[in-house]
N, C-alpha and C. Protein backbone atom coordinates (compact mmCIF):
# COMPACT_ATOMS: atom_id res chain seq x y z
N UNK A 1 78.54 68.67 116.56
CA UNK A 1 79.09 69.00 115.26
C UNK A 1 78.04 69.66 114.37
N UNK A 2 76.79 69.12 114.43
CA UNK A 2 75.71 69.68 113.61
C UNK A 2 75.41 71.11 114.02
N UNK A 3 75.48 71.39 115.31
CA UNK A 3 75.23 72.74 115.82
C UNK A 3 76.28 73.72 115.27
N UNK A 4 77.54 73.29 115.24
CA UNK A 4 78.60 74.14 114.73
C UNK A 4 78.37 74.47 113.27
N UNK A 5 77.97 73.50 112.45
CA UNK A 5 77.78 73.77 111.03
C UNK A 5 76.56 74.65 110.80
N UNK A 6 75.52 74.55 111.64
CA UNK A 6 74.36 75.43 111.50
C UNK A 6 74.76 76.87 111.82
N UNK A 7 75.54 77.04 112.87
CA UNK A 7 75.99 78.38 113.23
C UNK A 7 76.87 78.96 112.13
N UNK A 8 77.74 78.14 111.58
CA UNK A 8 78.61 78.58 110.49
C UNK A 8 77.78 79.00 109.29
N UNK A 9 76.77 78.22 108.94
CA UNK A 9 75.90 78.56 107.81
C UNK A 9 75.15 79.86 108.05
N UNK A 10 74.64 80.05 109.25
CA UNK A 10 73.90 81.27 109.56
C UNK A 10 74.83 82.48 109.49
N UNK A 11 76.03 82.37 110.05
CA UNK A 11 76.98 83.48 109.99
C UNK A 11 77.40 83.79 108.55
N UNK A 12 77.61 82.76 107.75
CA UNK A 12 77.97 82.96 106.35
C UNK A 12 76.83 83.66 105.61
N UNK A 13 75.60 83.27 105.88
CA UNK A 13 74.44 83.90 105.25
C UNK A 13 74.33 85.37 105.66
N UNK A 14 74.51 85.66 106.94
CA UNK A 14 74.45 87.05 107.40
C UNK A 14 75.55 87.90 106.78
N UNK A 15 76.75 87.35 106.69
CA UNK A 15 77.85 88.07 106.07
C UNK A 15 77.55 88.34 104.60
N UNK A 16 77.02 87.36 103.89
CA UNK A 16 76.67 87.53 102.49
C UNK A 16 75.62 88.62 102.31
N UNK A 17 74.60 88.60 103.15
CA UNK A 17 73.56 89.63 103.07
C UNK A 17 74.12 91.02 103.35
N UNK A 18 75.02 91.11 104.31
CA UNK A 18 75.63 92.41 104.62
C UNK A 18 76.44 92.92 103.44
N UNK A 19 77.19 92.05 102.80
CA UNK A 19 78.00 92.47 101.65
C UNK A 19 77.13 92.88 100.48
N UNK A 20 76.07 92.13 100.21
CA UNK A 20 75.17 92.46 99.10
C UNK A 20 74.49 93.79 99.36
N UNK A 21 74.00 94.01 100.57
CA UNK A 21 73.31 95.27 100.86
C UNK A 21 74.28 96.45 100.79
N UNK A 22 75.52 96.27 101.21
CA UNK A 22 76.51 97.34 101.12
C UNK A 22 76.81 97.66 99.66
N UNK A 23 76.94 96.65 98.81
CA UNK A 23 77.20 96.87 97.39
C UNK A 23 76.04 97.63 96.76
N UNK A 24 74.81 97.32 97.14
CA UNK A 24 73.66 98.02 96.57
C UNK A 24 73.62 99.48 97.01
N UNK A 25 74.06 99.77 98.21
CA UNK A 25 74.11 101.16 98.66
C UNK A 25 75.06 101.95 97.78
N UNK A 26 76.24 101.40 97.48
CA UNK A 26 77.19 102.10 96.63
C UNK A 26 76.67 102.25 95.21
N UNK A 27 75.94 101.26 94.70
CA UNK A 27 75.38 101.36 93.36
C UNK A 27 74.32 102.44 93.26
N UNK A 28 73.62 102.71 94.36
CA UNK A 28 72.53 103.68 94.32
C UNK A 28 72.99 105.12 94.53
N UNK A 29 74.24 105.32 94.91
CA UNK A 29 74.74 106.68 95.12
C UNK A 29 75.05 107.32 93.78
N UNK A 30 74.58 108.54 93.58
CA UNK A 30 74.83 109.26 92.34
C UNK A 30 76.06 110.14 92.50
N UNK A 31 77.15 109.76 91.85
CA UNK A 31 78.38 110.53 91.92
C UNK A 31 78.51 111.50 90.76
N UNK A 32 77.51 111.61 89.91
CA UNK A 32 77.61 112.43 88.71
C UNK A 32 77.63 113.92 89.01
N UNK A 33 77.31 114.32 90.22
CA UNK A 33 77.30 115.75 90.57
C UNK A 33 78.68 116.25 90.98
N UNK A 34 79.67 115.42 90.86
CA UNK A 34 81.03 115.79 91.22
C UNK A 34 81.53 116.84 90.24
N UNK A 35 81.67 118.06 90.67
CA UNK A 35 82.10 119.16 89.80
C UNK A 35 83.55 119.55 90.03
N UNK A 36 84.26 118.81 90.89
CA UNK A 36 85.61 119.19 91.27
C UNK A 36 86.69 118.63 90.35
N UNK A 37 86.34 117.83 89.38
CA UNK A 37 87.34 117.28 88.49
C UNK A 37 87.96 115.99 88.96
N UNK A 38 87.36 115.32 89.93
CA UNK A 38 87.84 114.03 90.39
C UNK A 38 87.08 112.93 89.68
N UNK A 39 87.77 111.86 89.36
CA UNK A 39 87.11 110.70 88.76
C UNK A 39 86.26 110.04 89.83
N UNK A 40 85.02 109.72 89.48
CA UNK A 40 84.08 109.09 90.40
C UNK A 40 83.58 107.79 89.78
N UNK A 41 82.68 107.13 90.48
CA UNK A 41 82.05 105.94 89.94
C UNK A 41 80.55 106.14 89.89
N UNK A 42 79.95 105.54 88.89
CA UNK A 42 78.49 105.47 88.79
C UNK A 42 78.19 104.03 88.40
N UNK A 43 77.71 103.27 89.37
CA UNK A 43 77.53 101.85 89.13
C UNK A 43 78.89 101.20 88.99
N UNK A 44 79.14 100.62 87.83
CA UNK A 44 80.43 99.96 87.59
C UNK A 44 81.28 100.72 86.58
N UNK A 45 80.98 102.01 86.37
CA UNK A 45 81.72 102.81 85.38
C UNK A 45 82.38 104.01 86.05
N UNK A 46 83.49 104.43 85.48
CA UNK A 46 84.14 105.65 85.93
C UNK A 46 83.48 106.84 85.24
N UNK A 47 83.38 107.97 85.96
CA UNK A 47 82.85 109.20 85.38
C UNK A 47 83.76 110.36 85.79
N UNK A 48 83.76 111.39 84.95
CA UNK A 48 84.48 112.62 85.24
C UNK A 48 83.55 113.77 84.91
N UNK A 49 83.18 114.55 85.90
CA UNK A 49 82.23 115.65 85.75
C UNK A 49 80.92 115.18 85.12
N UNK A 50 80.49 113.98 85.51
CA UNK A 50 79.21 113.45 85.05
C UNK A 50 79.25 112.70 83.73
N UNK A 51 80.36 112.72 83.02
CA UNK A 51 80.47 112.04 81.72
C UNK A 51 81.31 110.77 81.88
N UNK A 52 81.09 109.79 81.00
CA UNK A 52 81.91 108.56 81.08
C UNK A 52 83.40 108.91 80.96
N UNK A 53 84.21 108.23 81.75
CA UNK A 53 85.65 108.46 81.74
C UNK A 53 86.34 107.18 81.31
N UNK A 54 86.89 107.20 80.11
CA UNK A 54 87.66 106.08 79.58
C UNK A 54 89.12 106.51 79.54
N UNK A 55 90.01 105.59 79.78
CA UNK A 55 91.42 105.98 79.84
C UNK A 55 92.33 104.86 79.38
N UNK A 56 93.53 105.26 79.00
CA UNK A 56 94.65 104.36 78.77
C UNK A 56 95.69 104.75 79.79
N UNK A 57 96.30 103.78 80.45
CA UNK A 57 97.24 104.14 81.49
C UNK A 57 98.41 103.18 81.59
N UNK A 58 99.26 103.49 82.54
CA UNK A 58 100.46 102.68 82.76
C UNK A 58 100.81 102.68 84.24
N UNK A 59 101.61 101.72 84.64
CA UNK A 59 102.11 101.61 86.01
C UNK A 59 103.52 102.16 86.08
N UNK A 60 103.83 102.82 87.15
CA UNK A 60 105.18 103.35 87.34
C UNK A 60 105.56 103.24 88.81
N UNK A 61 106.06 102.08 89.19
CA UNK A 61 106.40 101.83 90.59
C UNK A 61 107.58 102.69 91.06
N UNK A 62 108.42 103.10 90.15
CA UNK A 62 109.66 103.77 90.49
C UNK A 62 109.54 105.29 90.59
N UNK A 63 108.41 105.84 90.21
CA UNK A 63 108.29 107.29 90.07
C UNK A 63 108.57 108.06 91.37
N UNK A 64 108.08 107.58 92.49
CA UNK A 64 108.30 108.29 93.74
C UNK A 64 109.77 108.26 94.16
N UNK A 65 110.45 107.16 93.86
CA UNK A 65 111.87 107.08 94.19
C UNK A 65 112.67 108.08 93.36
N UNK A 66 112.34 108.19 92.07
CA UNK A 66 113.03 109.15 91.21
C UNK A 66 112.70 110.58 91.63
N UNK A 67 111.47 110.83 92.00
CA UNK A 67 111.07 112.17 92.43
C UNK A 67 111.77 112.59 93.72
N UNK A 68 112.25 111.62 94.49
CA UNK A 68 112.95 111.93 95.74
C UNK A 68 114.33 112.53 95.49
N UNK A 69 114.86 112.35 94.29
CA UNK A 69 116.18 112.87 93.95
C UNK A 69 116.03 114.06 93.01
N UNK A 70 116.30 115.28 93.48
CA UNK A 70 116.12 116.46 92.62
C UNK A 70 116.90 116.39 91.31
N UNK A 71 118.01 115.66 91.27
CA UNK A 71 118.79 115.55 90.04
C UNK A 71 118.16 114.61 89.02
N UNK A 72 117.19 113.81 89.45
CA UNK A 72 116.55 112.86 88.54
C UNK A 72 115.09 113.21 88.23
N UNK A 73 114.57 114.27 88.83
CA UNK A 73 113.16 114.61 88.67
C UNK A 73 112.76 114.86 87.22
N UNK A 74 113.68 115.27 86.40
CA UNK A 74 113.37 115.50 84.98
C UNK A 74 112.82 114.24 84.33
N UNK A 75 113.18 113.07 84.85
CA UNK A 75 112.67 111.81 84.29
C UNK A 75 111.16 111.69 84.48
N UNK A 76 110.64 112.22 85.58
CA UNK A 76 109.20 112.18 85.82
C UNK A 76 108.48 112.98 84.74
N UNK A 77 108.97 114.19 84.48
CA UNK A 77 108.38 115.03 83.44
C UNK A 77 108.47 114.37 82.08
N UNK A 78 109.61 113.76 81.77
CA UNK A 78 109.79 113.09 80.48
C UNK A 78 108.84 111.91 80.31
N UNK A 79 108.64 111.14 81.37
CA UNK A 79 107.73 109.99 81.30
C UNK A 79 106.31 110.47 81.04
N UNK A 80 105.88 111.52 81.75
CA UNK A 80 104.53 112.04 81.53
C UNK A 80 104.38 112.60 80.12
N UNK A 81 105.40 113.25 79.61
CA UNK A 81 105.35 113.79 78.24
C UNK A 81 105.25 112.65 77.23
N UNK A 82 106.07 111.61 77.38
CA UNK A 82 106.02 110.46 76.46
C UNK A 82 104.70 109.72 76.56
N UNK A 83 104.20 109.56 77.77
CA UNK A 83 102.92 108.86 77.95
C UNK A 83 101.79 109.64 77.30
N UNK A 84 101.79 110.95 77.47
CA UNK A 84 100.76 111.79 76.85
C UNK A 84 100.83 111.69 75.33
N UNK A 85 102.03 111.70 74.78
CA UNK A 85 102.19 111.57 73.33
C UNK A 85 101.69 110.22 72.82
N UNK A 86 101.74 109.20 73.68
CA UNK A 86 101.26 107.86 73.30
C UNK A 86 99.76 107.70 73.58
N UNK A 87 99.09 108.76 74.04
CA UNK A 87 97.66 108.70 74.28
C UNK A 87 97.27 108.19 75.66
N UNK A 88 98.21 108.15 76.56
CA UNK A 88 97.91 107.68 77.92
C UNK A 88 97.55 108.87 78.80
N UNK A 89 96.52 108.68 79.61
CA UNK A 89 96.04 109.79 80.44
C UNK A 89 96.07 109.48 81.94
N UNK A 90 96.44 108.25 82.32
CA UNK A 90 96.44 107.87 83.73
C UNK A 90 97.74 107.14 84.05
N UNK A 91 98.35 107.53 85.18
CA UNK A 91 99.53 106.84 85.69
C UNK A 91 99.22 106.35 87.10
N UNK A 92 99.49 105.09 87.35
CA UNK A 92 99.35 104.54 88.70
C UNK A 92 100.74 104.38 89.28
N UNK A 93 100.97 105.00 90.42
CA UNK A 93 102.26 104.89 91.09
C UNK A 93 102.02 104.50 92.54
N UNK A 94 103.05 104.12 93.20
CA UNK A 94 102.96 103.70 94.59
C UNK A 94 103.66 104.74 95.45
N UNK A 95 103.09 105.07 96.58
CA UNK A 95 103.68 106.07 97.46
C UNK A 95 104.61 105.40 98.46
N UNK A 96 105.70 104.86 97.95
CA UNK A 96 106.71 104.26 98.81
C UNK A 96 108.06 104.39 98.12
N UNK A 97 109.11 104.24 98.87
CA UNK A 97 110.45 104.13 98.32
C UNK A 97 111.21 103.17 99.21
N UNK A 98 111.99 102.32 98.60
CA UNK A 98 112.67 101.26 99.34
C UNK A 98 113.80 101.80 100.21
N UNK A 99 113.52 101.98 101.47
CA UNK A 99 114.50 102.26 102.51
C UNK A 99 115.67 103.15 102.16
N UNK A 100 116.73 102.98 102.85
CA UNK A 100 118.01 103.69 102.75
C UNK A 100 117.81 105.20 102.65
N UNK A 101 118.68 105.86 101.93
CA UNK A 101 118.63 107.33 101.86
C UNK A 101 117.45 107.84 101.04
N UNK A 102 116.84 106.98 100.23
CA UNK A 102 115.71 107.41 99.41
C UNK A 102 114.36 107.16 100.06
N UNK A 103 114.35 106.72 101.30
CA UNK A 103 113.07 106.46 101.95
C UNK A 103 112.25 107.74 101.98
N UNK A 104 110.99 107.63 101.64
CA UNK A 104 110.14 108.81 101.59
C UNK A 104 109.64 109.22 102.96
N UNK A 105 109.48 108.27 103.85
CA UNK A 105 108.97 108.62 105.17
C UNK A 105 109.82 107.91 106.21
N UNK A 106 110.86 108.57 106.66
CA UNK A 106 111.76 107.99 107.65
C UNK A 106 111.42 108.44 109.06
N UNK A 107 110.47 109.31 109.18
CA UNK A 107 110.04 109.82 110.47
C UNK A 107 108.96 110.85 110.23
N UNK A 108 108.70 111.65 111.22
CA UNK A 108 107.68 112.68 111.05
C UNK A 108 108.29 113.89 110.38
N UNK A 109 108.14 113.93 109.06
CA UNK A 109 108.61 115.08 108.30
C UNK A 109 107.75 115.24 107.05
N UNK A 110 108.08 116.21 106.24
CA UNK A 110 107.25 116.47 105.06
C UNK A 110 107.87 115.98 103.77
N UNK A 111 108.98 115.25 103.83
CA UNK A 111 109.65 114.81 102.60
C UNK A 111 108.71 114.01 101.70
N UNK A 112 107.97 113.09 102.28
CA UNK A 112 107.03 112.27 101.51
C UNK A 112 106.04 113.15 100.77
N UNK A 113 105.51 114.14 101.45
CA UNK A 113 104.48 114.98 100.86
C UNK A 113 105.04 115.86 99.75
N UNK A 114 106.28 116.30 99.88
CA UNK A 114 106.89 117.11 98.83
C UNK A 114 107.06 116.30 97.54
N UNK A 115 107.47 115.04 97.65
CA UNK A 115 107.67 114.22 96.46
C UNK A 115 106.33 113.83 95.84
N UNK A 116 105.34 113.58 96.69
CA UNK A 116 104.00 113.27 96.19
C UNK A 116 103.45 114.48 95.45
N UNK A 117 103.65 115.66 96.00
CA UNK A 117 103.17 116.88 95.36
C UNK A 117 103.87 117.09 94.02
N UNK A 118 105.17 116.84 93.95
CA UNK A 118 105.90 117.02 92.69
C UNK A 118 105.35 116.12 91.60
N UNK A 119 105.16 114.84 91.90
CA UNK A 119 104.69 113.92 90.86
C UNK A 119 103.25 114.21 90.46
N UNK A 120 102.43 114.69 91.38
CA UNK A 120 101.04 114.95 91.02
C UNK A 120 100.87 116.27 90.28
N UNK A 121 101.87 117.14 90.31
CA UNK A 121 101.78 118.42 89.60
C UNK A 121 102.39 118.38 88.22
N UNK A 122 103.05 117.31 87.85
CA UNK A 122 103.68 117.22 86.53
C UNK A 122 102.64 117.08 85.43
């Protein structure tokens, strides 16, 4: 029993050291040279083109489902317009749709990518 607990302690210590060293590697990477307009990290802060990036945002789980229906896509544009007017600059959505006829990926096709492209271009 004592042997098992020593092995467990050693493995836990090695795992902890691996996680700490990995975290330090990410902290030491300089993402400030990102000139492409993507949000990056520097330490524990978000940056955009090397400057601090602060944001107000909202969640929208339903956006991809609405974007799947061409007759309802105007709602996506309206939500982004209203959010922008309220000072929000970030929307988090999920790339899924609940089954049935609105499923975004029912097989190997491009339907999912077309709806993702529509919501990201609004």
